Amino acid sequence: MGFFQFKRTQEIKANLEEVWKFIANPANLKKITPDYMGFDITSKDVPSRMYAGMIISYKVSPLLGIKTTWVTEITHLKENSYFVDEQRVGPYSIWHHQHIIESMPIGTLMTDIVSYQPPFGFLGSIANEVIIKSKLNEIFDYRTKALDEIF
């Protein structure tokens, strides 16, 4: 049973407070997720600012257009610095996603670290090599372009 980590950094040409305001609003996740994933928040009355302990449920189609329920909890949050979401219900055995932002002279450096374990033991490890790694790269490539357009 494999355990994997995906890391991506992006320089955003906007100040840290602007970037934080955008990424700390759960509704904005749809704006930086590829349309083909059919991403929709299904939680009722989601506030415009996340907080530690917040539970958010989604419907998403990460593979073959099959709708999946995904529930995450914001487990850690430091204003204008970082937050962590962890999957509570969804397709992975483990999903831990750190979103870190740091001020730079020309804007903001955003770092994402996703630590995950696919289901199904060694079959999940094979799926990671064949599908998951490339799908994560594709999703984060899209997000990079979307954030460059937004900022």
Protein backbone atom coordinates (compact mmCIF):
# COMPACT_ATOMS: atom_id res chain seq x y z
CA MET A 1 0.00 0.00 0.00
CA GLY A 2 1.68 3.15 -1.28
CA PHE A 3 1.78 6.57 0.29
CA PHE A 4 2.56 9.48 -2.02
CA GLN A 5 3.22 13.18 -1.94
CA PHE A 6 2.60 15.78 -4.62
CA LYS A 7 4.10 19.27 -4.34
CA ARG A 8 3.48 22.34 -6.50
CA THR A 9 4.57 25.96 -6.14
CA GLN A 10 3.26 28.99 -7.98
CA GLU A 11 4.26 32.64 -7.97
CA ILE A 12 1.18 34.85 -8.03
CA LYS A 13 1.45 38.50 -8.98
CA ALA A 14 -0.81 39.79 -6.21
CA ASN A 15 -0.23 40.66 -2.60
CA LEU A 16 -0.64 38.07 0.11
CA GLU A 17 -3.87 39.50 1.51
CA GLU A 18 -5.57 39.40 -1.92
CA VAL A 19 -4.48 35.81 -2.50
CA TRP A 20 -5.60 34.76 0.97
CA LYS A 21 -8.99 36.41 0.55
CA PHE A 22 -9.49 34.42 -2.65
CA ILE A 23 -8.26 30.99 -1.50
CA ALA A 24 -9.94 31.21 1.92
CA ASN A 25 -13.37 31.49 0.26
CA PRO A 26 -14.63 27.93 -0.42
CA ALA A 27 -16.82 29.13 -3.32
CA ASN A 28 -13.71 30.09 -5.30
CA LEU A 29 -12.51 26.49 -5.53
CA LYS A 30 -14.93 25.93 -8.42
CA LYS A 31 -13.25 28.81 -10.33
CA ILE A 32 -9.88 27.02 -10.27
CA THR A 33 -11.11 23.46 -10.91
CA PRO A 34 -11.45 22.10 -14.47
CA ASP A 35 -15.07 22.13 -15.69
CA TYR A 36 -14.97 18.46 -16.69
CA MET A 37 -14.68 17.56 -12.98
CA GLY A 38 -18.23 18.79 -12.37
CA PHE A 39 -17.23 20.33 -9.05
CA ASP A 40 -20.15 21.49 -6.89
CA ILE A 41 -20.32 22.35 -3.20
CA THR A 42 -23.25 20.46 -1.68
CA SER A 43 -22.97 21.83 1.88
CA LYS A 44 -25.70 24.27 2.82
CA ASP A 45 -24.95 27.84 3.89
CA VAL A 46 -21.16 27.71 3.41
CA PRO A 47 -19.64 30.94 4.74
CA SER A 48 -17.37 33.03 2.54
CA ARG A 49 -14.42 32.54 4.92
CA MET A 50 -13.19 29.14 6.00
CA TYR A 51 -12.26 28.34 9.59
CA ALA A 52 -10.59 25.47 11.45
CA GLY A 53 -13.13 22.70 12.01
CA MET A 54 -15.21 23.63 8.98
CA ILE A 55 -16.70 20.65 7.11
CA ILE A 56 -17.43 21.07 3.40
CA SER A 57 -19.09 18.48 1.14
CA TYR A 58 -18.77 18.39 -2.64
CA LYS A 59 -19.78 16.37 -5.63
CA VAL A 60 -16.94 15.87 -8.06
CA SER A 61 -16.21 13.64 -11.06
CA PRO A 62 -12.47 13.02 -10.99
CA LEU A 63 -12.54 10.01 -13.30
CA LEU A 64 -14.76 8.81 -16.16
CA GLY A 65 -17.48 11.33 -15.27
CA ILE A 66 -18.51 9.27 -12.23
CA LYS A 67 -19.95 11.58 -9.53
CA THR A 68 -18.28 11.09 -6.16
CA THR A 69 -19.06 12.58 -2.78
CA TRP A 70 -16.06 14.27 -1.22
CA VAL A 71 -16.14 15.67 2.32
CA THR A 72 -13.23 17.64 3.71
CA GLU A 73 -12.47 19.24 7.04
CA ILE A 74 -10.34 22.34 7.43
CA THR A 75 -8.17 20.99 10.23
CA HIS A 76 -5.64 23.81 10.58
CA LEU A 77 -5.71 27.45 9.59
CA LYS A 78 -3.47 30.44 10.22
CA GLU A 79 -4.85 33.63 8.69
CA ASN A 80 -2.77 34.89 5.71
CA SER A 81 -0.40 31.96 6.04
CA TYR A 82 -1.82 28.46 5.53
CA PHE A 83 -4.71 26.06 5.84
CA VAL A 84 -4.98 22.29 5.69
CA ASP A 85 -7.89 20.29 4.34
CA GLU A 86 -8.24 16.60 5.07
CA GLN A 87 -10.64 14.22 3.38
CA ARG A 88 -13.25 12.72 5.71
CA VAL A 89 -15.30 10.97 3.00
CA GLY A 90 -14.08 10.33 -0.52
CA PRO A 91 -12.07 8.22 -2.89
CA TYR A 92 -8.73 8.16 -1.02
CA SER A 93 -7.67 6.20 2.04
CA ILE A 94 -5.76 9.33 3.11
CA TRP A 95 -5.85 12.87 1.67
CA HIS A 96 -4.05 15.70 3.48
CA HIS A 97 -3.65 18.97 1.50
CA GLN A 98 -1.55 21.85 2.81
CA HIS A 99 -2.06 25.27 1.19
CA ILE A 100 0.77 27.62 2.18
CA ILE A 101 1.23 31.24 1.07
CA GLU A 102 4.23 33.49 1.64
CA SER A 103 4.86 37.08 0.69
CA MET A 104 7.54 37.72 -1.95
CA PRO A 105 8.90 40.98 -3.36
CA ILE A 106 6.87 40.52 -6.57
CA GLY A 107 3.73 39.00 -5.04
CA THR A 108 2.90 35.76 -3.28
CA LEU A 109 4.39 32.29 -3.37
CA MET A 110 1.76 29.59 -3.01
CA THR A 111 2.84 26.05 -2.16
CA ASP A 112 0.55 23.03 -2.19
CA ILE A 113 1.61 19.78 -0.59
CA VAL A 114 -0.78 16.88 -1.07
CA SER A 115 -0.03 13.72 0.91
CA TYR A 116 -2.29 10.87 -0.13
CA GLN A 117 -2.86 7.17 -0.17
CA PRO A 118 -5.06 5.66 -2.88
CA PRO A 119 -7.45 2.86 -1.87
CA PHE A 120 -7.01 -0.82 -2.79
CA GLY A 121 -3.44 -1.43 -1.58
CA PHE A 122 -0.98 -2.32 -4.36
CA LEU A 123 -3.69 -1.76 -6.99
CA GLY A 124 -3.96 1.82 -5.73
CA SER A 125 -0.19 2.18 -6.12
CA ILE A 126 -0.47 1.00 -9.72
CA ALA A 127 -3.38 3.43 -10.28
CA ASN A 128 -1.17 6.21 -8.92
CA GLU A 129 1.51 5.49 -11.50
CA VAL A 130 -0.95 5.05 -14.37
CA ILE A 131 -3.62 7.69 -13.63
CA ILE A 132 -3.52 9.64 -10.36
CA LYS A 133 -0.14 11.40 -10.69
CA SER A 134 -0.90 12.66 -14.17
CA LYS A 135 -4.45 13.69 -13.15
CA LEU A 136 -3.06 15.73 -10.23
CA ASN A 137 -0.59 17.43 -12.56
CA GLU A 138 -3.40 18.18 -15.01
CA ILE A 139 -5.63 19.66 -12.29
CA PHE A 140 -2.84 21.81 -10.84
CA ASP A 141 -1.76 22.94 -14.34
CA TYR A 142 -5.33 24.15 -14.85
CA ARG A 143 -5.33 25.85 -11.48
CA THR A 144 -2.03 27.61 -12.25
CA LYS A 145 -3.48 29.05 -15.46
CA ALA A 146 -6.75 30.04 -13.76
CA LEU A 147 -4.95 31.87 -10.94
CA ASP A 148 -2.67 33.63 -13.42
CA GLU A 149 -5.79 34.88 -15.24
CA ILE A 150 -7.54 35.93 -12.02
CA PHE A 151 -4.52 37.80 -10.67
